[in-house]
C-alpha cells in the first residue's frame, strides 16, 4: 500500500526560512547545491515539494524534514481512512 504522505506537498519557502533572516538567497542556493534562480522561483511561484524532494533537501542540511515542516507527521482524515 502506498504511503499517503508521499502525495502531500510542502512549501519550499519553509526550507528557506529555516536558514534564518540574515541568510541570502545566494547562500541558500550554494548550501543546497542549486541555482540562485531556483530559490527565487520557489519564492515567486510558491513552489511545493513532494515528500521525496522535501526529504532530500532536509538531508542536505543534516535535518529530518519534520524539523523544517511542522506538519510532516500530521495526517488528514482522508489519509487515516
C-alpha atoms as a PDB file:
ATOM      1  CA  UNK A   1       0.000   0.000   0.000  1.00  0.00           C
ATOM      2  CA  UNK A   2       1.285   3.433  -0.930  1.00  0.00           C
ATOM      3  CA  UNK A   3       2.089   5.793   1.935  1.00  0.00           C
ATOM      4  CA  UNK A   4      -0.331   8.753   1.632  1.00  0.00           C
ATOM      5  CA  UNK A   5       2.339  11.121   2.933  1.00  0.00           C
ATOM      6  CA  UNK A   6       4.038  10.973  -0.450  1.00  0.00           C
ATOM      7  CA  UNK A   7       1.018  12.616  -2.085  1.00  0.00           C
ATOM      8  CA  UNK A   8       1.324  15.620   0.210  1.00  0.00           C
ATOM      9  CA  UNK A   9       3.100  18.837  -0.743  1.00  0.00           C
ATOM     10  CA  UNK A  10       5.393  21.001   1.370  1.00  0.00           C
ATOM     11  CA  UNK A  11       6.080  24.691   0.736  1.00  0.00           C
ATOM     12  CA  UNK A  12       9.630  25.216  -0.476  1.00  0.00           C
ATOM     13  CA  UNK A  13       9.786  28.564   1.295  1.00  0.00           C
ATOM     14  CA  UNK A  14       9.835  26.753   4.639  1.00  0.00           C
ATOM     15  CA  UNK A  15      13.310  25.436   3.938  1.00  0.00           C
ATOM     16  CA  UNK A  16      14.441  28.970   3.044  1.00  0.00           C
ATOM     17  CA  UNK A  17      13.022  30.265   6.349  1.00  0.00           C
ATOM     18  CA  UNK A  18      14.969  27.584   8.221  1.00  0.00           C
ATOM     19  CA  UNK A  19      18.209  29.382   7.324  1.00  0.00           C
ATOM     20  CA  UNK A  20      17.289  32.481   9.314  1.00  0.00           C
ATOM     21  CA  UNK A  21      16.731  36.098   8.312  1.00  0.00           C
ATOM     22  CA  UNK A  22      20.374  37.017   7.650  1.00  0.00           C
ATOM     23  CA  UNK A  23      20.951  34.324   5.010  1.00  0.00           C
ATOM     24  CA  UNK A  24      20.763  35.467   1.399  1.00  0.00           C
ATOM     25  CA  UNK A  25      19.080  33.513  -1.362  1.00  0.00           C
ATOM     26  CA  UNK A  26      22.527  33.080  -2.904  1.00  0.00           C
ATOM     27  CA  UNK A  27      23.746  31.421   0.305  1.00  0.00           C
ATOM     28  CA  UNK A  28      20.689  29.140   0.359  1.00  0.00           C
ATOM     29  CA  UNK A  29      21.370  28.105  -3.244  1.00  0.00           C
ATOM     30  CA  UNK A  30      25.049  27.391  -2.572  1.00  0.00           C
ATOM     31  CA  UNK A  31      24.318  25.310   0.521  1.00  0.00           C
ATOM     32  CA  UNK A  32      21.600  23.275  -1.221  1.00  0.00           C
ATOM     33  CA  UNK A  33      23.641  22.874  -4.392  1.00  0.00           C
ATOM     34  CA  UNK A  34      21.083  24.568  -6.649  1.00  0.00           C
ATOM     35  CA  UNK A  35      20.973  27.713  -8.748  1.00  0.00           C
ATOM     36  CA  UNK A  36      20.038  31.046  -7.217  1.00  0.00           C
ATOM     37  CA  UNK A  37      17.276  31.392  -9.815  1.00  0.00           C
ATOM     38  CA  UNK A  38      15.708  28.212  -8.434  1.00  0.00           C
ATOM     39  CA  UNK A  39      15.448  29.759  -4.983  1.00  0.00           C
ATOM     40  CA  UNK A  40      13.776  32.842  -6.458  1.00  0.00           C
ATOM     41  CA  UNK A  41      11.383  30.611  -8.401  1.00  0.00           C
ATOM     42  CA  UNK A  42      10.438  28.756  -5.197  1.00  0.00           C
ATOM     43  CA  UNK A  43       9.557  32.084  -3.591  1.00  0.00           C
ATOM     44  CA  UNK A  44       7.782  33.753  -6.507  1.00  0.00           C
ATOM     45  CA  UNK A  45       5.742  30.730  -7.590  1.00  0.00           C
ATOM     46  CA  UNK A  46       5.099  29.333  -4.096  1.00  0.00           C
ATOM     47  CA  UNK A  47       6.581  26.008  -5.225  1.00  0.00           C
ATOM     48  CA  UNK A  48       5.689  22.919  -3.209  1.00  0.00           C
ATOM     49  CA  UNK A  49       7.875  19.849  -2.814  1.00  0.00           C
ATOM     50  CA  UNK A  50       6.669  16.298  -2.745  1.00  0.00           C
ATOM     51  CA  UNK A  51       7.872  14.275   0.239  1.00  0.00           C
ATOM     52  CA  UNK A  52      10.867  12.866  -1.628  1.00  0.00           C
ATOM     53  CA  UNK A  53      12.114  16.349  -2.580  1.00  0.00           C
ATOM     54  CA  UNK A  54      11.473  17.724   0.909  1.00  0.00           C
ATOM     55  CA  UNK A  55      13.399  14.830   2.425  1.00  0.00           C
ATOM     56  CA  UNK A  56      16.313  15.259   0.002  1.00  0.00           C
ATOM     57  CA  UNK A  57      16.733  18.970   0.805  1.00  0.00           C
ATOM     58  CA  UNK A  58      16.344  18.441   4.554  1.00  0.00           C
ATOM     59  CA  UNK A  59      19.050  15.771   4.478  1.00  0.00           C
ATOM     60  CA  UNK A  60      21.407  18.211   2.712  1.00  0.00           C
ATOM     61  CA  UNK A  61      21.052  20.380   5.821  1.00  0.00           C
ATOM     62  CA  UNK A  62      21.574  17.454   8.194  1.00  0.00           C
ATOM     63  CA  UNK A  63      17.953  17.655   9.322  1.00  0.00           C
ATOM     64  CA  UNK A  64      14.867  15.491   9.324  1.00  0.00           C
ATOM     65  CA  UNK A  65      12.023  17.035   7.285  1.00  0.00           C
ATOM     66  CA  UNK A  66       9.875  17.330  10.422  1.00  0.00           C
ATOM     67  CA  UNK A  67      12.405  19.882  11.696  1.00  0.00           C
ATOM     68  CA  UNK A  68      11.511  22.124   8.749  1.00  0.00           C
ATOM     69  CA  UNK A  69       7.878  21.260   8.026  1.00  0.00           C
ATOM     70  CA  UNK A  70       5.858  21.116  11.243  1.00  0.00           C
ATOM     71  CA  UNK A  71       3.096  19.099   9.581  1.00  0.00           C
ATOM     72  CA  UNK A  72       5.401  16.302   8.369  1.00  0.00           C
ATOM     73  CA  UNK A  73       3.797  13.703  10.672  1.00  0.00           C
ATOM     74  CA  UNK A  74       0.284  15.190  10.636  1.00  0.00           C
ATOM     75  CA  UNK A  75      -2.321  13.105   8.839  1.00  0.00           C
ATOM     76  CA  UNK A  76      -5.626  14.312   7.454  1.00  0.00           C
ATOM     77  CA  UNK A  77      -8.885  12.444   7.982  1.00  0.00           C
ATOM     78  CA  UNK A  78      -8.762  11.211   4.367  1.00  0.00           C
ATOM     79  CA  UNK A  79      -5.314   9.711   4.957  1.00  0.00           C
ATOM     80  CA  UNK A  80      -6.383   7.819   8.076  1.00  0.00           C
ATOM     81  CA  UNK A  81      -9.195   6.116   6.220  1.00  0.00           C
END
